Structure formats: C-alpha cells, structure tokens
Amino acid sequence: MGFEKEYSENDYRREDPALAQGPVILEFGNAWCGWCRRAQPLIEAALKAHDGVRHIKVADASGKRLGRAFTVKLWPTLVFLKDGEERARLVRPHDADEIRQSLGKIL
C-alpha cells in the first residue's frame, strides 16, 4: 500500500471490494494532466506516514463508470473512503496539509 505511481486503466465499479475495505484514497486523473502531475509530490508527502492507506489512481475519462459514479468533474479529484463510505473529497489540492487533514477523516 502507500503511494501509487501509475494510473490504473482498470474499470473499477463502485462496489469493487478494493474500495470497500479500510481507508482508501481514490485519485481520479490522468498521466498527461498538468494539474495531476503537480499534485503528485503533495499526495506522496501526505501518504509517507500512512502505509496502511490504499491509494488507487484511476485513469479517468469520458465514459468511465467510476468517475461518473463519484461525479468527478475536475482532475485530480481525491475521494477519501473508509470502508466504502466517502468521508472527504479534495479537488486540485494545493498543499500536503489539506490532504493530511482529509486523511484524518478516514484513519
């Protein structure tokens, strides 16, 4: 677990078991997105002390089910889940502290 470097092309579903157990950060974005690239060091810094948090990077695009299920409109969008329930959301985070604060809601 911990920081995930690559976006997954897996077409996850909302009911996927990987999303329903424990603390999870879903990151919606894409490798070519400038906003997403800018956020990577912030996300990595916030996750350094939290190896027990599953970080799932979802390559989002028009027609992808999971992004639509979470009503993602801008990238990156971070959705913080605890046992499948959304507890917090950040869109285009500006610093690692706001990510850490949201992490506190799922730990």
PDB file of N, CA and C in Angstrom:
ATOM      1  N   MET A   1       0.843  -1.176   0.000  1.00  0.00           N
ATOM      2  CA  MET A   1       0.000   0.000   0.000  1.00  0.00           C
ATOM      3  C   MET A   1       0.888   1.240   0.000  1.00  0.00           C
ATOM      4  N   GLY A   2       0.309   2.384   0.270  1.00  0.00           N
ATOM      5  CA  GLY A   2       1.071   3.615   0.187  1.00  0.00           C
ATOM      6  C   GLY A   2       0.868   4.280  -1.161  1.00  0.00           C
ATOM      7  N   PHE A   3       1.772   5.180  -1.509  1.00  0.00           N
ATOM      8  CA  PHE A   3       1.647   5.967  -2.732  1.00  0.00           C
ATOM      9  C   PHE A   3       1.764   5.094  -3.976  1.00  0.00           C
ATOM     10  N   GLU A   4       0.813   5.217  -4.865  1.00  0.00           N
ATOM     11  CA  GLU A   4       0.796   4.501  -6.148  1.00  0.00           C
ATOM     12  C   GLU A   4       1.296   5.457  -7.224  1.00  0.00           C
ATOM     13  N   LYS A   5       2.257   5.021  -8.028  1.00  0.00           N
ATOM     14  CA  LYS A   5       2.855   5.904  -9.034  1.00  0.00           C
ATOM     15  C   LYS A   5       2.098   5.948 -10.359  1.00  0.00           C
ATOM     16  N   GLU A   6       1.461   4.866 -10.747  1.00  0.00           N
ATOM     17  CA  GLU A   6       0.832   4.770 -12.069  1.00  0.00           C
ATOM     18  C   GLU A   6      -0.690   4.796 -11.970  1.00  0.00           C
ATOM     19  N   TYR A   7      -1.311   5.406 -12.957  1.00  0.00           N
ATOM     20  CA  TYR A   7      -2.771   5.373 -13.067  1.00  0.00           C
ATOM     21  C   TYR A   7      -3.206   4.029 -13.617  1.00  0.00           C
ATOM     22  N   SER A   8      -4.242   3.476 -13.035  1.00  0.00           N
ATOM     23  CA  SER A   8      -4.768   2.187 -13.463  1.00  0.00           C
ATOM     24  C   SER A   8      -5.819   2.385 -14.552  1.00  0.00           C
ATOM     25  N   GLU A   9      -5.744   1.555 -15.558  1.00  0.00           N
ATOM     26  CA  GLU A   9      -6.759   1.561 -16.613  1.00  0.00           C
ATOM     27  C   GLU A   9      -7.921   0.635 -16.253  1.00  0.00           C
ATOM     28  N   ASN A  10      -7.817  -0.039 -15.103  1.00  0.00           N
ATOM     29  CA  ASN A  10      -8.871  -0.937 -14.641  1.00  0.00           C
ATOM     30  C   ASN A  10     -10.171  -0.141 -14.514  1.00  0.00           C
ATOM     31  N   ASP A  11     -11.240  -0.690 -15.042  1.00  0.00           N
ATOM     32  CA  ASP A  11     -12.541  -0.014 -14.979  1.00  0.00           C
ATOM     33  C   ASP A  11     -13.263  -0.461 -13.708  1.00  0.00           C
ATOM     34  N   TYR A  12     -12.827   0.077 -12.575  1.00  0.00           N
ATOM     35  CA  TYR A  12     -13.417  -0.271 -11.290  1.00  0.00           C
ATOM     36  C   TYR A  12     -14.909   0.068 -11.270  1.00  0.00           C
ATOM     37  N   ARG A  13     -15.608  -0.619 -10.383  1.00  0.00           N
ATOM     38  CA  ARG A  13     -17.012  -0.316 -10.105  1.00  0.00           C
ATOM     39  C   ARG A  13     -17.124   0.137  -8.655  1.00  0.00           C
ATOM     40  N   ARG A  14     -18.138   0.879  -8.366  1.00  0.00           N
ATOM     41  CA  ARG A  14     -18.333   1.425  -7.010  1.00  0.00           C
ATOM     42  C   ARG A  14     -18.344   0.314  -5.960  1.00  0.00           C
ATOM     43  N   GLU A  15     -18.871  -0.854  -6.306  1.00  0.00           N
ATOM     44  CA  GLU A  15     -18.992  -1.955  -5.343  1.00  0.00           C
ATOM     45  C   GLU A  15     -17.755  -2.854  -5.298  1.00  0.00           C
ATOM     46  N   ASP A  16     -16.695  -2.488  -5.982  1.00  0.00           N
ATOM     47  CA  ASP A  16     -15.463  -3.281  -6.006  1.00  0.00           C
ATOM     48  C   ASP A  16     -14.925  -3.462  -4.586  1.00  0.00           C
ATOM     49  N   PRO A  17     -14.577  -4.690  -4.192  1.00  0.00           N
ATOM     50  CA  PRO A  17     -14.066  -4.934  -2.836  1.00  0.00           C
ATOM     51  C   PRO A  17     -12.823  -4.112  -2.485  1.00  0.00           C
ATOM     52  N   ALA A  18     -11.997  -3.760  -3.460  1.00  0.00           N
ATOM     53  CA  ALA A  18     -10.800  -2.956  -3.190  1.00  0.00           C
ATOM     54  C   ALA A  18     -11.164  -1.574  -2.658  1.00  0.00           C
ATOM     55  N   LEU A  19     -12.375  -1.112  -2.917  1.00  0.00           N
ATOM     56  CA  LEU A  19     -12.823   0.206  -2.467  1.00  0.00           C
ATOM     57  C   LEU A  19     -13.601   0.135  -1.163  1.00  0.00           C
ATOM     58  N   ALA A  20     -13.971  -1.062  -0.740  1.00  0.00           N
ATOM     59  CA  ALA A  20     -14.910  -1.218   0.364  1.00  0.00           C
ATOM     60  C   ALA A  20     -14.271  -1.627   1.682  1.00  0.00           C
ATOM     61  N   GLN A  21     -12.952  -1.778   1.705  1.00  0.00           N
ATOM     62  CA  GLN A  21     -12.314  -2.256   2.933  1.00  0.00           C
ATOM     63  C   GLN A  21     -11.235  -1.293   3.399  1.00  0.00           C
ATOM     64  N   GLY A  22     -11.410  -0.782   4.608  1.00  0.00           N
ATOM     65  CA  GLY A  22     -10.406   0.065   5.219  1.00  0.00           C
ATOM     66  C   GLY A  22     -10.318   1.448   4.603  1.00  0.00           C
ATOM     67  N   PRO A  23      -9.220   2.162   4.916  1.00  0.00           N
ATOM     68  CA  PRO A  23      -9.034   3.508   4.379  1.00  0.00           C
ATOM     69  C   PRO A  23      -8.476   3.472   2.951  1.00  0.00           C
ATOM     70  N   VAL A  24      -9.122   4.205   2.051  1.00  0.00           N
ATOM     71  CA  VAL A  24      -8.744   4.232   0.636  1.00  0.00           C
ATOM     72  C   VAL A  24      -8.785   5.675   0.142  1.00  0.00           C
ATOM     73  N   ILE A  25      -7.766   6.047  -0.630  1.00  0.00           N
ATOM     74  CA  ILE A  25      -7.821   7.307  -1.370  1.00  0.00           C
ATOM     75  C   ILE A  25      -7.958   6.943  -2.834  1.00  0.00           C
ATOM     76  N   LEU A  26      -9.050   7.366  -3.427  1.00  0.00           N
ATOM     77  CA  LEU A  26      -9.234   7.220  -4.873  1.00  0.00           C
ATOM     78  C   LEU A  26      -8.780   8.527  -5.502  1.00  0.00           C
ATOM     79  N   GLU A  27      -7.848   8.426  -6.417  1.00  0.00           N
ATOM     80  CA  GLU A  27      -7.376   9.612  -7.129  1.00  0.00           C
ATOM     81  C   GLU A  27      -7.811   9.503  -8.580  1.00  0.00           C
ATOM     82  N   PHE A  28      -8.654  10.407  -9.011  1.00  0.00           N
ATOM     83  CA  PHE A  28      -9.103  10.445 -10.397  1.00  0.00           C
ATOM     84  C   PHE A  28      -8.267  11.459 -11.155  1.00  0.00           C
ATOM     85  N   GLY A  29      -7.733  11.055 -12.293  1.00  0.00           N
ATOM     86  CA  GLY A  29      -6.928  11.957 -13.104  1.00  0.00           C
ATOM     87  C   GLY A  29      -6.359  11.221 -14.297  1.00  0.00           C
ATOM     88  N   ASN A  30      -5.251  11.708 -14.811  1.00  0.00           N
ATOM     89  CA  ASN A  30      -4.587  11.070 -15.936  1.00  0.00           C
ATOM     90  C   ASN A  30      -3.135  11.532 -15.985  1.00  0.00           C
ATOM     91  N   ALA A  31      -2.270  10.692 -16.519  1.00  0.00           N
ATOM     92  CA  ALA A  31      -0.831  10.959 -16.525  1.00  0.00           C
ATOM     93  C   ALA A  31      -0.467  12.221 -17.314  1.00  0.00           C
ATOM     94  N   TRP A  32      -1.240  12.578 -18.320  1.00  0.00           N
ATOM     95  CA  TRP A  32      -0.920  13.739 -19.148  1.00  0.00           C
ATOM     96  C   TRP A  32      -1.477  15.049 -18.582  1.00  0.00           C
ATOM     97  N   CYS A  33      -2.224  14.979 -17.492  1.00  0.00           N
ATOM     98  CA  CYS A  33      -2.864  16.153 -16.887  1.00  0.00           C
ATOM     99  C   CYS A  33      -1.850  16.946 -16.060  1.00  0.00           C
ATOM    100  N   GLY A  34      -1.647  18.212 -16.389  1.00  0.00           N
ATOM    101  CA  GLY A  34      -0.709  19.059 -15.660  1.00  0.00           C
ATOM    102  C   GLY A  34      -1.077  19.242 -14.197  1.00  0.00           C
ATOM    103  N   TRP A  35      -2.357  19.440 -13.910  1.00  0.00           N
ATOM    104  CA  TRP A  35      -2.813  19.575 -12.522  1.00  0.00           C
ATOM    105  C   TRP A  35      -2.504  18.300 -11.741  1.00  0.00           C
ATOM    106  N   CYS A  36      -2.690  17.153 -12.392  1.00  0.00           N
ATOM    107  CA  CYS A  36      -2.435  15.860 -11.738  1.00  0.00           C
ATOM    108  C   CYS A  36      -0.948  15.696 -11.446  1.00  0.00           C
ATOM    109  N   ARG A  37      -0.109  16.040 -12.411  1.00  0.00           N
ATOM    110  CA  ARG A  37       1.345  15.931 -12.207  1.00  0.00           C
ATOM    111  C   ARG A  37       1.798  16.851 -11.073  1.00  0.00           C
ATOM    112  N   ARG A  38       1.239  18.034 -10.998  1.00  0.00           N
ATOM    113  CA  ARG A  38       1.591  18.985  -9.938  1.00  0.00           C
ATOM    114  C   ARG A  38       1.219  18.441  -8.560  1.00  0.00           C
ATOM    115  N   ALA A  39       0.138  17.688  -8.475  1.00  0.00           N
ATOM    116  CA  ALA A  39      -0.340  17.175  -7.182  1.00  0.00           C
ATOM    117  C   ALA A  39       0.431  15.953  -6.688  1.00  0.00           C
ATOM    118  N   GLN A  40       1.156  15.266  -7.553  1.00  0.00           N
ATOM    119  CA  GLN A  40       1.798  14.012  -7.153  1.00  0.00           C
ATOM    120  C   GLN A  40       2.734  14.141  -5.951  1.00  0.00           C
ATOM    121  N   PRO A  41       3.662  15.112  -5.922  1.00  0.00           N
ATOM    122  CA  PRO A  41       4.533  15.204  -4.738  1.00  0.00           C
ATOM    123  C   PRO A  41       3.763  15.541  -3.462  1.00  0.00           C
ATOM    124  N   LEU A  42       2.658  16.264  -3.580  1.00  0.00           N
ATOM    125  CA  LEU A  42       1.839  16.599  -2.412  1.00  0.00           C
ATOM    126  C   LEU A  42       1.174  15.346  -1.853  1.00  0.00           C
ATOM    127  N   ILE A  43       0.630  14.531  -2.743  1.00  0.00           N
ATOM    128  CA  ILE A  43      -0.038  13.297  -2.335  1.00  0.00           C
ATOM    129  C   ILE A  43       0.981  12.337  -1.729  1.00  0.00           C
ATOM    130  N   GLU A  44       2.135  12.208  -2.390  1.00  0.00           N
ATOM    131  CA  GLU A  44       3.173  11.306  -1.892  1.00  0.00           C
ATOM    132  C   GLU A  44       3.641  11.744  -0.503  1.00  0.00           C
ATOM    133  N   ALA A  45       3.848  13.043  -0.296  1.00  0.00           N
ATOM    134  CA  ALA A  45       4.287  13.545   1.010  1.00  0.00           C
ATOM    135  C   ALA A  45       3.250  13.266   2.091  1.00  0.00           C
ATOM    136  N   ALA A  46       1.982  13.457   1.771  1.00  0.00           N
ATOM    137  CA  ALA A  46       0.915  13.231   2.751  1.00  0.00           C
ATOM    138  C   ALA A  46       0.786  11.754   3.110  1.00  0.00           C
ATOM    139  N   LEU A  47       1.069  10.874   2.164  1.00  0.00           N
ATOM    140  CA  LEU A  47       0.918   9.432   2.396  1.00  0.00           C
ATOM    141  C   LEU A  47       2.138   8.780   3.036  1.00  0.00           C
ATOM    142  N   LYS A  48       3.262   9.473   3.101  1.00  0.00           N
ATOM    143  CA  LYS A  48       4.509   8.883   3.636  1.00  0.00           C
ATOM    144  C   LYS A  48       4.321   8.193   4.978  1.00  0.00           C
ATOM    145  N   ALA A  49       3.607   8.778   5.873  1.00  0.00           N
ATOM    146  CA  ALA A  49       3.438   8.235   7.221  1.00  0.00           C
ATOM    147  C   ALA A  49       2.215   7.336   7.354  1.00  0.00           C
ATOM    148  N   HIS A  50       1.589   6.980   6.235  1.00  0.00           N
ATOM    149  CA  HIS A  50       0.340   6.219   6.304  1.00  0.00           C
ATOM    150  C   HIS A  50       0.360   5.027   5.339  1.00  0.00           C
ATOM    151  N   ASP A  51       1.250   4.076   5.614  1.00  0.00           N
ATOM    152  CA  ASP A  51       1.366   2.903   4.745  1.00  0.00           C
ATOM    153  C   ASP A  51       0.103   2.051   4.710  1.00  0.00           C
ATOM    154  N   GLY A  52      -0.753   2.169   5.713  1.00  0.00           N
ATOM    155  CA  GLY A  52      -1.967   1.366   5.764  1.00  0.00           C
ATOM    156  C   GLY A  52      -3.097   1.880   4.898  1.00  0.00           C
ATOM    157  N   VAL A  53      -2.889   3.024   4.251  1.00  0.00           N
ATOM    158  CA  VAL A  53      -3.921   3.599   3.385  1.00  0.00           C
ATOM    159  C   VAL A  53      -3.698   3.113   1.960  1.00  0.00           C
ATOM    160  N   ARG A  54      -4.727   2.561   1.370  1.00  0.00           N
ATOM    161  CA  ARG A  54      -4.654   2.125  -0.033  1.00  0.00           C
ATOM    162  C   ARG A  54      -4.882   3.336  -0.928  1.00  0.00           C
ATOM    163  N   HIS A  55      -3.950   3.582  -1.841  1.00  0.00           N
ATOM    164  CA  HIS A  55      -4.041   4.692  -2.796  1.00  0.00           C
ATOM    165  C   HIS A  55      -4.300   4.080  -4.165  1.00  0.00           C
ATOM    166  N   ILE A  56      -5.431   4.388  -4.747  1.00  0.00           N
ATOM    167  CA  ILE A  56      -5.789   3.852  -6.059  1.00  0.00           C
ATOM    168  C   ILE A  56      -5.921   5.013  -7.025  1.00  0.00           C
ATOM    169  N   LYS A  57      -5.062   5.008  -8.035  1.00  0.00           N
ATOM    170  CA  LYS A  57      -5.093   6.056  -9.063  1.00  0.00           C
ATOM    171  C   LYS A  57      -5.897   5.526 -10.245  1.00  0.00           C
ATOM    172  N   VAL A  58      -6.965   6.202 -10.548  1.00  0.00           N
ATOM    173  CA  VAL A  58      -7.867   5.781 -11.616  1.00  0.00           C
ATOM    174  C   VAL A  58      -7.702   6.714 -12.810  1.00  0.00           C
ATOM    175  N   ALA A  59      -7.318   6.134 -13.950  1.00  0.00           N
ATOM    176  CA  ALA A  59      -7.234   6.911 -15.193  1.00  0.00           C
ATOM    177  C   ALA A  59      -8.662   7.212 -15.620  1.00  0.00           C
ATOM    178  N   ASP A  60      -9.063   8.439 -15.397  1.00  0.00           N
ATOM    179  CA  ASP A  60     -10.442   8.837 -15.667  1.00  0.00           C
ATOM    180  C   ASP A  60     -10.557   9.377 -17.088  1.00  0.00           C
ATOM    181  N   ALA A  61     -11.727   9.247 -17.640  1.00  0.00           N
ATOM    182  CA  ALA A  61     -12.012   9.765 -18.982  1.00  0.00           C
ATOM    183  C   ALA A  61     -13.519   9.753 -19.173  1.00  0.00           C
ATOM    184  N   SER A  62     -13.948  10.395 -20.213  1.00  0.00           N
ATOM    185  CA  SER A  62     -15.366  10.393 -20.553  1.00  0.00           C
ATOM    186  C   SER A  62     -15.839   8.958 -20.713  1.00  0.00           C
ATOM    187  N   GLY A  63     -16.927   8.623 -20.077  1.00  0.00           N
ATOM    188  CA  GLY A  63     -17.498   7.290 -20.202  1.00  0.00           C
ATOM    189  C   GLY A  63     -16.984   6.283 -19.190  1.00  0.00           C
ATOM    190  N   LYS A  64     -16.026   6.661 -18.339  1.00  0.00           N
ATOM    191  CA  LYS A  64     -15.551   5.744 -17.301  1.00  0.00           C
ATOM    192  C   LYS A  64     -16.576   5.721 -16.172  1.00  0.00           C
ATOM    193  N   ARG A  65     -17.004   4.534 -15.801  1.00  0.00           N
ATOM    194  CA  ARG A  65     -18.092   4.377 -14.829  1.00  0.00           C
ATOM    195  C   ARG A  65     -17.779   4.937 -13.447  1.00  0.00           C
ATOM    196  N   LEU A  66     -16.592   4.630 -12.925  1.00  0.00           N
ATOM    197  CA  LEU A  66     -16.317   5.005 -11.545  1.00  0.00           C
ATOM    198  C   LEU A  66     -16.265   6.520 -11.374  1.00  0.00           C
ATOM    199  N   GLY A  67     -15.641   7.208 -12.297  1.00  0.00           N
ATOM    200  CA  GLY A  67     -15.607   8.670 -12.234  1.00  0.00           C
ATOM    201  C   GLY A  67     -17.001   9.268 -12.270  1.00  0.00           C
ATOM    202  N   ARG A  68     -17.880   8.688 -13.080  1.00  0.00           N
ATOM    203  CA  ARG A  68     -19.258   9.176 -13.145  1.00  0.00           C
ATOM    204  C   ARG A  68     -19.997   8.855 -11.851  1.00  0.00           C
ATOM    205  N   ALA A  69     -19.735   7.681 -11.267  1.00  0.00           N
ATOM    206  CA  ALA A  69     -20.398   7.303 -10.020  1.00  0.00           C
ATOM    207  C   ALA A  69     -20.043   8.268  -8.888  1.00  0.00           C
ATOM    208  N   PHE A  70     -18.839   8.824  -8.930  1.00  0.00           N
ATOM    209  CA  PHE A  70     -18.394   9.780  -7.917  1.00  0.00           C
ATOM    210  C   PHE A  70     -18.541  11.232  -8.385  1.00  0.00           C
ATOM    211  N   THR A  71     -19.222  11.451  -9.498  1.00  0.00           N
ATOM    212  CA  THR A  71     -19.461  12.785 -10.082  1.00  0.00           C
ATOM    213  C   THR A  71     -18.185  13.635 -10.167  1.00  0.00           C
ATOM    214  N   VAL A  72     -17.134  13.036 -10.692  1.00  0.00           N
ATOM    215  CA  VAL A  72     -15.865  13.734 -10.869  1.00  0.00           C
ATOM    216  C   VAL A  72     -15.988  14.688 -12.044  1.00  0.00           C
ATOM    217  N   LYS A  73     -15.605  15.941 -11.818  1.00  0.00           N
ATOM    218  CA  LYS A  73     -15.695  16.948 -12.873  1.00  0.00           C
ATOM    219  C   LYS A  73     -14.328  17.535 -13.222  1.00  0.00           C
ATOM    220  N   LEU A  74     -13.411  17.628 -12.249  1.00  0.00           N
ATOM    221  CA  LEU A  74     -12.078  18.180 -12.476  1.00  0.00           C
ATOM    222  C   LEU A  74     -11.032  17.188 -11.967  1.00  0.00           C
ATOM    223  N   TRP A  75      -9.857  17.272 -12.546  1.00  0.00           N
ATOM    224  CA  TRP A  75      -8.734  16.418 -12.118  1.00  0.00           C
ATOM    225  C   TRP A  75      -7.670  17.267 -11.468  1.00  0.00           C
ATOM    226  N   PRO A  76      -6.918  16.728 -10.565  1.00  0.00           N
ATOM    227  CA  PRO A  76      -7.224  15.493  -9.867  1.00  0.00           C
ATOM    228  C   PRO A  76      -8.310  15.715  -8.821  1.00  0.00           C
ATOM    229  N   THR A  77      -9.114  14.699  -8.648  1.00  0.00           N
ATOM    230  CA  THR A  77     -10.079  14.656  -7.560  1.00  0.00           C
ATOM    231  C   THR A  77      -9.675  13.509  -6.664  1.00  0.00           C
ATOM    232  N   LEU A  78      -9.519  13.798  -5.380  1.00  0.00           N
ATOM    233  CA  LEU A  78      -9.199  12.774  -4.387  1.00  0.00           C
ATOM    234  C   LEU A  78     -10.453  12.507  -3.571  1.00  0.00           C
ATOM    235  N   VAL A  79     -10.864  11.246  -3.535  1.00  0.00           N
ATOM    236  CA  VAL A  79     -12.019  10.837  -2.739  1.00  0.00           C
ATOM    237  C   VAL A  79     -11.490   9.945  -1.617  1.00  0.00           C
ATOM    238  N   PHE A  80     -11.777  10.312  -0.389  1.00  0.00           N
ATOM    239  CA  PHE A  80     -11.289   9.600   0.789  1.00  0.00           C
ATOM    240  C   PHE A  80     -12.409   8.695   1.298  1.00  0.00           C
ATOM    241  N   LEU A  81     -12.161   7.386   1.241  1.00  0.00           N
ATOM    242  CA  LEU A  81     -13.166   6.394   1.631  1.00  0.00           C
ATOM    243  C   LEU A  81     -12.744   5.665   2.889  1.00  0.00           C
ATOM    244  N   LYS A  82     -13.700   5.367   3.736  1.00  0.00           N
ATOM    245  CA  LYS A  82     -13.483   4.497   4.897  1.00  0.00           C
ATOM    246  C   LYS A  82     -14.527   3.398   4.810  1.00  0.00           C
ATOM    247  N   ASP A  83     -14.075   2.171   4.582  1.00  0.00           N
ATOM    248  CA  ASP A  83     -14.960   1.013   4.421  1.00  0.00           C
ATOM    249  C   ASP A  83     -16.040   1.278   3.374  1.00  0.00           C
ATOM    250  N   GLY A  84     -15.643   1.909   2.271  1.00  0.00           N
ATOM    251  CA  GLY A  84     -16.537   2.142   1.145  1.00  0.00           C
ATOM    252  C   GLY A  84     -17.364   3.407   1.227  1.00  0.00           C
ATOM    253  N   GLU A  85     -17.326   4.115   2.351  1.00  0.00           N
ATOM    254  CA  GLU A  85     -18.126   5.316   2.538  1.00  0.00           C
ATOM    255  C   GLU A  85     -17.251   6.561   2.345  1.00  0.00           C
ATOM    256  N   GLU A  86     -17.721   7.480   1.516  1.00  0.00           N
ATOM    257  CA  GLU A  86     -16.978   8.718   1.292  1.00  0.00           C
ATOM    258  C   GLU A  86     -17.018   9.591   2.539  1.00  0.00           C
ATOM    259  N   ARG A  87     -15.819   9.978   3.003  1.00  0.00           N
ATOM    260  CA  ARG A  87     -15.711  10.816   4.193  1.00  0.00           C
ATOM    261  C   ARG A  87     -15.190  12.208   3.881  1.00  0.00           C
ATOM    262  N   ALA A  88     -14.466  12.342   2.752  1.00  0.00           N
ATOM    263  CA  ALA A  88     -13.912  13.649   2.372  1.00  0.00           C
ATOM    264  C   ALA A  88     -13.610  13.624   0.884  1.00  0.00           C
ATOM    265  N   ARG A  89     -13.429  14.821   0.324  1.00  0.00           N
ATOM    266  CA  ARG A  89     -13.103  14.965  -1.095  1.00  0.00           C
ATOM    267  C   ARG A  89     -12.288  16.240  -1.277  1.00  0.00           C
ATOM    268  N   LEU A  90     -11.252  16.150  -2.097  1.00  0.00           N
ATOM    269  CA  LEU A  90     -10.450  17.317  -2.459  1.00  0.00           C
ATOM    270  C   LEU A  90     -10.356  17.382  -3.977  1.00  0.00           C
ATOM    271  N   VAL A  91     -10.501  18.569  -4.507  1.00  0.00           N
ATOM    272  CA  VAL A  91     -10.340  18.788  -5.940  1.00  0.00           C
ATOM    273  C   VAL A  91      -9.161  19.735  -6.123  1.00  0.00           C
ATOM    274  N   ARG A  92      -8.193  19.297  -6.919  1.00  0.00           N
ATOM    275  CA  ARG A  92      -6.979  20.074  -7.181  1.00  0.00           C
ATOM    276  C   ARG A  92      -6.337  20.587  -5.885  1.00  0.00           C
ATOM    277  N   PRO A  93      -5.867  19.653  -5.046  1.00  0.00           N
ATOM    278  CA  PRO A  93      -5.265  20.069  -3.772  1.00  0.00           C
ATOM    279  C   PRO A  93      -4.067  20.983  -3.982  1.00  0.00           C
ATOM    280  N   HIS A  94      -3.908  21.935  -3.059  1.00  0.00           N
ATOM    281  CA  HIS A  94      -2.841  22.932  -3.168  1.00  0.00           C
ATOM    282  C   HIS A  94      -1.644  22.645  -2.285  1.00  0.00           C
ATOM    283  N   ASP A  95      -1.858  21.853  -1.208  1.00  0.00           N
ATOM    284  CA  ASP A  95      -0.723  21.526  -0.348  1.00  0.00           C
ATOM    285  C   ASP A  95      -0.956  20.201   0.366  1.00  0.00           C
ATOM    286  N   ALA A  96       0.130  19.631   0.890  1.00  0.00           N
ATOM    287  CA  ALA A  96       0.058  18.319   1.536  1.00  0.00           C
ATOM    288  C   ALA A  96      -0.750  18.377   2.826  1.00  0.00           C
ATOM    289  N   ASP A  97      -0.791  19.533   3.488  1.00  0.00           N
ATOM    290  CA  ASP A  97      -1.536  19.639   4.746  1.00  0.00           C
ATOM    291  C   ASP A  97      -3.028  19.410   4.558  1.00  0.00           C
ATOM    292  N   GLU A  98      -3.604  19.936   3.496  1.00  0.00           N
ATOM    293  CA  GLU A  98      -5.036  19.707   3.289  1.00  0.00           C
ATOM    294  C   GLU A  98      -5.306  18.237   2.974  1.00  0.00           C
ATOM    295  N   ILE A  99      -4.356  17.563   2.348  1.00  0.00           N
ATOM    296  CA  ILE A  99      -4.501  16.121   2.104  1.00  0.00           C
ATOM    297  C   ILE A  99      -4.406  15.378   3.434  1.00  0.00           C
ATOM    298  N   ARG A 100      -3.464  15.771   4.286  1.00  0.00           N
ATOM    299  CA  ARG A 100      -3.324  15.140   5.608  1.00  0.00           C
ATOM    300  C   ARG A 100      -4.591  15.329   6.444  1.00  0.00           C
ATOM    301  N   GLN A 101      -5.193  16.509   6.380  1.00  0.00           N
ATOM    302  CA  GLN A 101      -6.427  16.760   7.132  1.00  0.00           C
ATOM    303  C   GLN A 101      -7.540  15.826   6.669  1.00  0.00           C
ATOM    304  N   SER A 102      -7.649  15.619   5.364  1.00  0.00           N
ATOM    305  CA  SER A 102      -8.663  14.706   4.839  1.00  0.00           C
ATOM    306  C   SER A 102      -8.331  13.261   5.199  1.00  0.00           C
ATOM    307  N   LEU A 103      -7.055  12.919   5.209  1.00  0.00           N
ATOM    308  CA  LEU A 103      -6.644  11.583   5.640  1.00  0.00           C
ATOM    309  C   LEU A 103      -7.116  11.313   7.071  1.00  0.00           C
ATOM    310  N   GLY A 104      -7.068  12.334   7.915  1.00  0.00           N
ATOM    311  CA  GLY A 104      -7.521  12.176   9.297  1.00  0.00           C
ATOM    312  C   GLY A 104      -8.964  11.733   9.413  1.00  0.00           C
ATOM    313  N   LYS A 105      -9.746  11.988   8.394  1.00  0.00           N
ATOM    314  CA  LYS A 105     -11.164  11.609   8.433  1.00  0.00           C
ATOM    315  C   LYS A 105     -11.394  10.133   8.101  1.00  0.00           C
ATOM    316  N   ILE A 106     -10.346   9.457   7.582  1.00  0.00           N
ATOM    317  CA  ILE A 106     -10.515   8.037   7.249  1.00  0.00           C
ATOM    318  C   ILE A 106      -9.603   7.116   8.085  1.00  0.00           C
ATOM    319  N   LEU A 107      -8.790   7.714   8.934  1.00  0.00           N
ATOM    320  CA  LEU A 107      -7.882   6.900   9.764  1.00  0.00           C
ATOM    321  C   LEU A 107      -8.475   6.616  11.136  1.00  0.00           C
TER     322      LEU A 107
END
